[in-house]
Amino acid sequence: MTEFRTTYIHDRDQWPHLTWDSAVLAPQLAKIHFARGELMGQLSLMGFSTQESSMLDTLVQDVTRSSRIEGEVLDDAQVRSSVARRLGLPIAGLPEPARHVEGVVAMTLDATQQYQAPLDAERLYRWHHALFPHGVDDNLQPLQTGRWRETEMEVVNNNMSRRTVHFEAPSPARVQQEMETFLQWFNSEQDLDP
């Protein structure tokens, strides 16, 4: 039986110099910009408290859904409490958020509210510390936070009877150069539609 090896995007010869057909994407992007404009127009007609409430709901969903992708289910009320407190909104009746919830919220708010700040290794390291405040993973294994990864990394399922690898990250030997390339690209002037 032949073993099948998935080719990840970072294994392709053209990585990281990818190409696409902008003419195919343009109509879809135009629809997105139109819908976003409609939404912003509707929000501007609402009162300040409704705008605050909508922003709070959106941030809570962003934090909880982003965490769920990684397999972590956060308590919505704790996330709401942390976001509201950081934005200076009322928190009466909301629970005290756990430390790991505070870390995820701090990182998300820094990324979304300080999006124009340069992205550098130190900022990414701070986010990493915030996401893993106790320095251990879900299996209570020690993590090396605040530096580039020095070990192999895979994303696997939680099914103990049949292990499935969903993604293999680039080897540790490539991480620093890949991150330097990414940060240089991210912080450069772009003519791409965000």
Protein backbone atom coordinates (compact mmCIF):
# COMPACT_ATOMS: atom_id res chain seq x y z
CA MET A 1 0.00 0.00 0.00
CA THR A 2 1.39 3.39 -1.01
CA GLU A 3 1.60 6.00 1.72
CA PHE A 4 -0.05 9.28 0.77
CA ARG A 5 1.75 12.44 1.91
CA THR A 6 -0.18 15.66 2.01
CA THR A 7 1.58 18.63 0.46
CA TYR A 8 1.12 21.67 2.65
CA ILE A 9 1.24 25.18 1.25
CA HIS A 10 4.62 25.79 2.89
CA ASP A 11 6.02 22.75 1.00
CA ARG A 12 5.22 24.13 -2.44
CA ASP A 13 7.99 25.44 -4.69
CA GLN A 14 6.34 28.86 -5.08
CA TRP A 15 6.04 29.40 -1.30
CA PRO A 16 5.75 32.17 -0.15
CA HIS A 17 5.38 33.89 -3.54
CA LEU A 18 1.79 32.91 -4.29
CA THR A 19 -0.24 34.20 -7.23
CA TRP A 20 -3.94 34.54 -7.98
CA ASP A 21 -6.27 36.02 -10.56
CA SER A 22 -7.42 39.40 -9.20
CA ALA A 23 -10.10 39.69 -11.89
CA VAL A 24 -11.82 36.59 -10.51
CA LEU A 25 -11.67 37.89 -6.92
CA ALA A 26 -12.75 41.48 -7.65
CA PRO A 27 -16.53 40.87 -7.96
CA GLN A 28 -16.60 38.92 -4.68
CA LEU A 29 -14.57 41.58 -2.90
CA ALA A 30 -16.92 44.27 -4.25
CA LYS A 31 -19.90 42.41 -2.74
CA ILE A 32 -18.11 42.21 0.61
CA HIS A 33 -17.28 45.94 0.58
CA PHE A 34 -20.87 46.82 -0.35
CA ALA A 35 -22.31 44.67 2.47
CA ARG A 36 -19.79 46.14 4.93
CA GLY A 37 -20.79 49.65 3.88
CA GLU A 38 -24.46 48.85 4.41
CA LEU A 39 -23.71 47.45 7.86
CA MET A 40 -21.63 50.48 8.85
CA GLY A 41 -24.43 52.76 7.65
CA GLN A 42 -27.01 50.92 9.73
CA LEU A 43 -24.77 50.99 12.80
CA SER A 44 -24.26 54.75 12.45
CA LEU A 45 -28.04 55.24 12.73
CA MET A 46 -28.23 53.36 16.03
CA GLY A 47 -27.74 54.95 19.41
CA PHE A 48 -24.43 54.86 21.23
CA SER A 49 -25.53 52.13 23.67
CA THR A 50 -26.65 49.92 20.77
CA GLN A 51 -23.32 50.48 19.03
CA GLU A 52 -21.46 49.54 22.23
CA SER A 53 -23.61 46.45 22.67
CA SER A 54 -23.03 45.39 19.05
CA MET A 55 -19.28 45.90 19.41
CA LEU A 56 -19.25 43.89 22.65
CA ASP A 57 -21.26 41.04 21.07
CA THR A 58 -18.95 40.98 18.03
CA LEU A 59 -15.77 40.87 20.12
CA VAL A 60 -17.17 38.12 22.37
CA GLN A 61 -18.06 36.04 19.30
CA ASP A 62 -14.65 36.71 17.76
CA VAL A 63 -12.82 35.51 20.88
CA THR A 64 -14.99 32.46 21.54
CA ARG A 65 -15.15 31.29 17.92
CA SER A 66 -11.44 31.81 17.30
CA SER A 67 -10.68 29.75 20.40
CA ARG A 68 -13.11 27.04 19.33
CA ILE A 69 -11.11 26.56 16.11
CA GLU A 70 -8.19 25.57 18.34
CA GLY A 71 -10.42 23.16 20.27
CA GLU A 72 -10.83 25.37 23.33
CA VAL A 73 -14.37 26.20 24.45
CA LEU A 74 -14.41 29.41 26.47
CA ASP A 75 -17.24 30.47 28.73
CA ASP A 76 -19.17 33.24 26.94
CA ALA A 77 -20.02 35.05 30.19
CA GLN A 78 -16.36 35.12 31.28
CA VAL A 79 -15.30 36.41 27.85
CA ARG A 80 -18.06 39.07 27.97
CA SER A 81 -16.92 40.12 31.44
CA SER A 82 -13.29 40.46 30.36
CA VAL A 83 -14.08 42.36 27.15
CA ALA A 84 -16.57 44.69 28.89
CA ARG A 85 -14.14 45.49 31.70
CA ARG A 86 -11.34 46.28 29.25
CA LEU A 87 -13.63 48.54 27.22
CA GLY A 88 -14.98 50.31 30.32
CA LEU A 89 -18.50 48.91 29.87
CA PRO A 90 -20.79 47.75 32.71
CA ILE A 91 -19.94 44.30 34.10
CA ALA A 92 -22.60 43.96 36.81
CA GLY A 93 -23.69 40.35 37.23
CA LEU A 94 -20.91 38.95 35.05
CA PRO A 95 -18.50 36.37 36.49
CA GLU A 96 -14.83 36.98 37.20
CA PRO A 97 -12.95 35.72 34.12
CA ALA A 98 -10.33 32.98 34.43
CA ARG A 99 -6.70 33.91 33.74
CA HIS A 100 -6.56 32.08 30.41
CA VAL A 101 -9.73 33.90 29.28
CA GLU A 102 -8.13 37.23 30.20
CA GLY A 103 -5.09 36.27 28.10
CA VAL A 104 -7.11 35.44 24.99
CA VAL A 105 -9.13 38.64 25.33
CA ALA A 106 -6.01 40.78 25.88
CA MET A 107 -4.38 39.33 22.77
CA THR A 108 -7.52 39.73 20.64
CA LEU A 109 -8.06 43.34 21.69
CA ASP A 110 -4.42 44.19 21.08
CA ALA A 111 -4.64 42.67 17.59
CA THR A 112 -7.94 44.36 16.70
CA GLN A 113 -7.55 47.74 18.41
CA GLN A 114 -3.84 48.21 17.70
CA TYR A 115 -3.96 46.81 14.16
CA GLN A 116 -1.92 49.73 12.81
CA ALA A 117 0.96 49.09 15.23
CA PRO A 118 3.91 47.28 13.67
CA LEU A 119 3.88 43.55 14.14
CA ASP A 120 7.19 42.22 15.43
CA ALA A 121 8.59 39.20 17.24
CA GLU A 122 8.22 40.80 20.69
CA ARG A 123 4.53 41.52 20.13
CA LEU A 124 3.94 37.94 18.96
CA TYR A 125 5.84 36.65 22.00
CA ARG A 126 3.60 38.72 24.30
CA TRP A 127 0.53 37.23 22.60
CA HIS A 128 1.99 33.75 23.09
CA HIS A 129 2.52 34.42 26.81
CA ALA A 130 -1.06 35.73 27.06
CA LEU A 131 -2.49 32.61 25.40
CA PHE A 132 -0.57 30.25 27.68
CA PRO A 133 -0.32 32.13 31.01
CA HIS A 134 0.54 28.98 32.95
CA GLY A 135 3.22 27.82 30.50
CA VAL A 136 1.58 24.46 29.84
CA ASP A 137 -0.56 23.00 27.06
CA ASP A 138 -3.93 21.22 27.35
CA ASN A 139 -2.12 18.03 28.44
CA LEU A 140 -0.19 19.94 31.12
CA GLN A 141 3.01 19.57 29.13
CA PRO A 142 5.46 22.49 29.50
CA LEU A 143 5.42 24.99 26.68
CA GLN A 144 8.22 27.24 25.53
CA THR A 145 6.41 30.56 25.32
CA GLY A 146 7.81 33.84 24.11
CA ARG A 147 10.19 32.47 21.50
CA TRP A 148 10.08 30.72 18.17
CA ARG A 149 9.12 27.05 18.19
CA GLU A 150 12.03 24.65 18.60
CA THR A 151 10.11 21.37 18.28
CA GLU A 152 8.04 19.65 15.60
CA MET A 153 4.36 20.59 15.58
CA GLU A 154 1.24 18.90 14.21
CA VAL A 155 -2.45 19.61 14.46
CA VAL A 156 -4.16 16.29 15.19
CA ASN A 157 -7.66 15.16 16.07
CA ASN A 158 -8.68 14.25 19.61
CA ASN A 159 -9.79 10.74 18.60
CA MET A 160 -7.54 8.31 20.49
CA SER A 161 -8.57 5.29 18.42
CA ARG A 162 -7.59 6.76 15.05
CA ARG A 163 -5.00 9.53 15.00
CA THR A 164 -5.41 11.91 12.07
CA VAL A 165 -2.84 14.60 11.28
CA HIS A 166 -4.63 17.67 9.90
CA PHE A 167 -1.54 19.83 9.49
CA GLU A 168 2.23 19.60 9.86
CA ALA A 169 3.97 22.88 10.54
CA PRO A 170 7.29 23.76 8.89
CA SER A 171 10.30 22.21 10.63
CA PRO A 172 11.76 24.10 13.59
CA ALA A 173 14.86 24.89 11.54
CA ARG A 174 12.70 26.96 9.17
CA VAL A 175 10.61 28.85 11.74
CA GLN A 176 12.82 31.89 12.39
CA GLN A 177 13.41 32.60 8.68
CA GLU A 178 9.72 32.00 7.83
CA MET A 179 8.67 34.42 10.59
CA GLU A 180 11.18 37.07 9.50
CA THR A 181 9.87 36.77 5.93
CA PHE A 182 6.26 37.01 7.16
CA LEU A 183 6.89 40.02 9.42
CA GLN A 184 8.73 41.86 6.66
CA TRP A 185 5.84 41.22 4.26
CA PHE A 186 3.16 42.08 6.85
CA ASN A 187 4.76 45.40 7.80
CA SER A 188 5.47 46.48 4.20
CA GLU A 189 3.24 48.68 2.08
CA GLN A 190 0.71 46.52 0.27
CA ASP A 191 -1.48 47.15 -2.73
CA LEU A 192 -3.64 44.18 -1.76
CA ASP A 193 -7.26 44.53 -0.73
CA PRO A 194 -7.26 43.84 3.03
